[in-house]
Amino acid sequence: MENKPTKDPVCGMELEPKEVKATAVYKGKTYNFCEFGCKAKFDGDPEKYTKTSGTNTVHSSKKDNGSKKTGCCSR
């Protein structure tokens, strides 16, 4: 795993390497996830989350407080 931040393609959460809870490989690229629920959603429809439209679903109703962890679905 790389030592630089990455983004969960499902919820959009920015992750440090130590925060990655699950990974998936799709079309030769590795994707990192904040939780297994996001990985399961990705596995169900990877094309939805690998399109370059720039629209990620944010699962949290909490407002962004300036933290890099906004959008995380785990609570």
N, C-alpha and C. Protein backbone atom coordinates (compact mmCIF):
# COMPACT_ATOMS: atom_id res chain seq x y z
N MET A 1 0.84 -1.18 0.00
CA MET A 1 0.00 0.00 0.00
C MET A 1 0.88 1.24 0.00
N GLU A 2 0.41 2.26 -0.71
CA GLU A 2 1.17 3.50 -0.79
C GLU A 2 1.08 4.25 0.54
N ASN A 3 2.04 5.13 0.77
CA ASN A 3 2.08 5.91 2.01
C ASN A 3 1.53 7.32 1.83
N LYS A 4 0.66 7.52 0.86
CA LYS A 4 0.07 8.84 0.67
C LYS A 4 -1.45 8.72 0.81
N PRO A 5 -2.12 9.83 1.12
CA PRO A 5 -3.57 9.79 1.27
C PRO A 5 -4.27 9.32 0.00
N THR A 6 -5.41 8.72 0.18
CA THR A 6 -6.22 8.22 -0.92
C THR A 6 -7.67 8.58 -0.64
N LYS A 7 -8.54 8.36 -1.60
CA LYS A 7 -9.94 8.71 -1.42
C LYS A 7 -10.82 7.49 -1.64
N ASP A 8 -11.75 7.25 -0.72
CA ASP A 8 -12.73 6.19 -0.86
C ASP A 8 -13.64 6.57 -2.03
N PRO A 9 -13.74 5.73 -3.07
CA PRO A 9 -14.53 6.10 -4.24
C PRO A 9 -16.04 6.08 -3.99
N VAL A 10 -16.48 5.47 -2.91
CA VAL A 10 -17.92 5.38 -2.62
C VAL A 10 -18.40 6.60 -1.85
N CYS A 11 -17.78 6.89 -0.72
CA CYS A 11 -18.26 7.99 0.13
C CYS A 11 -17.43 9.26 -0.02
N GLY A 12 -16.26 9.17 -0.66
CA GLY A 12 -15.44 10.35 -0.87
C GLY A 12 -14.52 10.71 0.27
N MET A 13 -14.49 9.88 1.31
CA MET A 13 -13.65 10.17 2.47
C MET A 13 -12.17 10.09 2.10
N GLU A 14 -11.40 11.09 2.52
CA GLU A 14 -9.96 11.04 2.34
C GLU A 14 -9.37 10.17 3.44
N LEU A 15 -8.52 9.23 3.04
CA LEU A 15 -7.97 8.25 3.97
C LEU A 15 -6.45 8.31 4.01
N GLU A 16 -5.92 8.28 5.22
CA GLU A 16 -4.49 8.03 5.39
C GLU A 16 -4.31 6.51 5.28
N PRO A 17 -3.13 6.04 4.91
CA PRO A 17 -2.93 4.60 4.74
C PRO A 17 -3.38 3.76 5.94
N LYS A 18 -3.16 4.25 7.17
CA LYS A 18 -3.53 3.47 8.36
C LYS A 18 -5.05 3.41 8.56
N GLU A 19 -5.81 4.26 7.86
CA GLU A 19 -7.26 4.30 8.00
C GLU A 19 -8.00 3.36 7.03
N VAL A 20 -7.29 2.80 6.06
CA VAL A 20 -7.91 1.94 5.06
C VAL A 20 -8.34 0.63 5.72
N LYS A 21 -9.65 0.33 5.62
CA LYS A 21 -10.20 -0.88 6.23
C LYS A 21 -10.39 -2.01 5.23
N ALA A 22 -10.50 -1.68 3.93
CA ALA A 22 -10.72 -2.70 2.91
C ALA A 22 -10.20 -2.18 1.57
N THR A 23 -9.86 -3.11 0.68
CA THR A 23 -9.41 -2.75 -0.66
C THR A 23 -10.08 -3.65 -1.69
N ALA A 24 -10.11 -3.19 -2.92
CA ALA A 24 -10.60 -3.99 -4.04
C ALA A 24 -9.76 -3.63 -5.26
N VAL A 25 -9.57 -4.61 -6.13
CA VAL A 25 -8.87 -4.36 -7.38
C VAL A 25 -9.89 -4.48 -8.50
N TYR A 26 -9.96 -3.45 -9.33
CA TYR A 26 -10.88 -3.44 -10.45
C TYR A 26 -10.15 -2.91 -11.67
N LYS A 27 -10.17 -3.68 -12.73
CA LYS A 27 -9.48 -3.33 -13.98
C LYS A 27 -8.02 -2.94 -13.72
N GLY A 28 -7.38 -3.70 -12.82
CA GLY A 28 -5.96 -3.50 -12.54
C GLY A 28 -5.61 -2.37 -11.60
N LYS A 29 -6.62 -1.65 -11.10
CA LYS A 29 -6.36 -0.55 -10.17
C LYS A 29 -6.89 -0.92 -8.80
N THR A 30 -6.13 -0.56 -7.75
CA THR A 30 -6.54 -0.84 -6.39
C THR A 30 -7.30 0.36 -5.83
N TYR A 31 -8.45 0.07 -5.23
CA TYR A 31 -9.29 1.09 -4.59
C TYR A 31 -9.33 0.82 -3.10
N ASN A 32 -9.26 1.88 -2.30
CA ASN A 32 -9.25 1.78 -0.84
C ASN A 32 -10.56 2.29 -0.27
N PHE A 33 -10.98 1.69 0.86
CA PHE A 33 -12.27 2.01 1.46
C PHE A 33 -12.15 2.25 2.95
N CYS A 34 -13.03 3.12 3.46
CA CYS A 34 -13.03 3.47 4.88
C CYS A 34 -13.69 2.37 5.72
N GLU A 35 -14.51 1.56 5.10
CA GLU A 35 -15.20 0.49 5.81
C GLU A 35 -15.64 -0.58 4.81
N PHE A 36 -16.02 -1.74 5.34
CA PHE A 36 -16.43 -2.84 4.48
C PHE A 36 -17.75 -2.56 3.77
N GLY A 37 -18.59 -1.72 4.34
CA GLY A 37 -19.85 -1.35 3.70
C GLY A 37 -19.61 -0.62 2.38
N CYS A 38 -18.64 0.27 2.38
CA CYS A 38 -18.31 0.99 1.14
C CYS A 38 -17.74 0.02 0.11
N LYS A 39 -16.92 -0.93 0.56
CA LYS A 39 -16.37 -1.92 -0.36
C LYS A 39 -17.49 -2.77 -0.95
N ALA A 40 -18.46 -3.15 -0.14
CA ALA A 40 -19.59 -3.97 -0.63
C ALA A 40 -20.38 -3.21 -1.69
N LYS A 41 -20.61 -1.91 -1.47
CA LYS A 41 -21.32 -1.10 -2.46
C LYS A 41 -20.51 -1.04 -3.76
N PHE A 42 -19.21 -0.84 -3.63
CA PHE A 42 -18.33 -0.79 -4.79
C PHE A 42 -18.37 -2.12 -5.54
N ASP A 43 -18.26 -3.23 -4.81
CA ASP A 43 -18.26 -4.55 -5.43
C ASP A 43 -19.56 -4.81 -6.19
N GLY A 44 -20.67 -4.25 -5.71
CA GLY A 44 -21.96 -4.44 -6.36
C GLY A 44 -22.09 -3.71 -7.69
N ASP A 45 -21.38 -2.61 -7.87
CA ASP A 45 -21.47 -1.83 -9.11
C ASP A 45 -20.22 -0.96 -9.26
N PRO A 46 -19.07 -1.59 -9.53
CA PRO A 46 -17.83 -0.82 -9.60
C PRO A 46 -17.83 0.27 -10.66
N GLU A 47 -18.52 0.06 -11.77
CA GLU A 47 -18.56 1.08 -12.82
C GLU A 47 -19.16 2.38 -12.31
N LYS A 48 -20.14 2.29 -11.43
CA LYS A 48 -20.78 3.47 -10.86
C LYS A 48 -19.77 4.35 -10.14
N TYR A 49 -18.81 3.71 -9.46
CA TYR A 49 -17.86 4.44 -8.63
C TYR A 49 -16.53 4.72 -9.30
N THR A 50 -16.31 4.20 -10.51
CA THR A 50 -15.06 4.45 -11.21
C THR A 50 -15.22 5.41 -12.37
N LYS A 51 -16.43 5.86 -12.62
CA LYS A 51 -16.65 6.87 -13.65
C LYS A 51 -15.97 8.16 -13.22
N THR A 52 -15.53 8.93 -14.17
CA THR A 52 -14.80 10.16 -13.85
C THR A 52 -15.69 11.39 -13.81
N SER A 53 -16.97 11.19 -13.52
CA SER A 53 -17.88 12.32 -13.47
C SER A 53 -17.63 13.22 -12.28
N GLY A 54 -16.92 12.71 -11.26
CA GLY A 54 -16.60 13.51 -10.09
C GLY A 54 -17.72 13.56 -9.06
N THR A 55 -18.74 12.74 -9.23
CA THR A 55 -19.85 12.75 -8.27
C THR A 55 -19.78 11.51 -7.41
N ASN A 56 -19.51 11.71 -6.15
CA ASN A 56 -19.51 10.63 -5.17
C ASN A 56 -20.69 10.82 -4.25
N THR A 57 -21.30 9.74 -3.84
CA THR A 57 -22.40 9.81 -2.90
C THR A 57 -21.83 10.00 -1.50
N VAL A 58 -22.32 10.98 -0.79
CA VAL A 58 -21.92 11.21 0.59
C VAL A 58 -23.01 10.67 1.47
N HIS A 59 -22.65 9.75 2.36
CA HIS A 59 -23.63 9.05 3.16
C HIS A 59 -23.94 9.71 4.49
N SER A 60 -23.15 10.65 4.90
CA SER A 60 -23.33 11.26 6.20
C SER A 60 -24.17 12.52 6.09
N SER A 61 -25.04 12.73 7.06
CA SER A 61 -25.82 13.96 7.07
C SER A 61 -25.13 15.04 7.90
N LYS A 62 -23.97 14.72 8.48
CA LYS A 62 -23.23 15.69 9.27
C LYS A 62 -22.62 16.75 8.37
N LYS A 63 -22.58 17.98 8.85
CA LYS A 63 -21.95 19.06 8.10
C LYS A 63 -20.44 18.91 8.14
N ASP A 64 -19.80 19.43 7.13
CA ASP A 64 -18.35 19.44 7.05
C ASP A 64 -17.81 20.42 8.08
N ASN A 65 -17.03 19.91 9.00
CA ASN A 65 -16.46 20.77 10.04
C ASN A 65 -15.00 21.10 9.73
N GLY A 66 -14.61 20.91 8.48
CA GLY A 66 -13.23 21.18 8.09
C GLY A 66 -12.35 19.96 8.19
N SER A 67 -12.87 18.87 8.71
CA SER A 67 -12.11 17.63 8.84
C SER A 67 -12.01 16.94 7.49
N LYS A 68 -10.91 16.22 7.28
CA LYS A 68 -10.76 15.45 6.05
C LYS A 68 -11.68 14.23 6.04
N LYS A 69 -12.30 13.91 7.17
CA LYS A 69 -13.10 12.70 7.29
C LYS A 69 -14.58 12.90 6.97
N THR A 70 -14.95 13.95 6.30
CA THR A 70 -16.35 14.15 5.97
C THR A 70 -16.79 13.11 4.94
N GLY A 71 -18.04 12.72 5.03
CA GLY A 71 -18.58 11.78 4.07
C GLY A 71 -18.45 10.33 4.48
N CYS A 72 -17.76 10.03 5.55
CA CYS A 72 -17.58 8.65 5.98
C CYS A 72 -18.90 8.05 6.43
N CYS A 73 -19.15 6.82 6.02
CA CYS A 73 -20.41 6.18 6.39
C CYS A 73 -20.30 5.36 7.66
N SER A 74 -19.13 5.13 8.18
CA SER A 74 -19.02 4.34 9.41
C SER A 74 -19.25 5.22 10.63
N ARG A 75 -19.99 4.70 11.57
CA ARG A 75 -20.25 5.43 12.81
C ARG A 75 -20.20 4.48 13.97
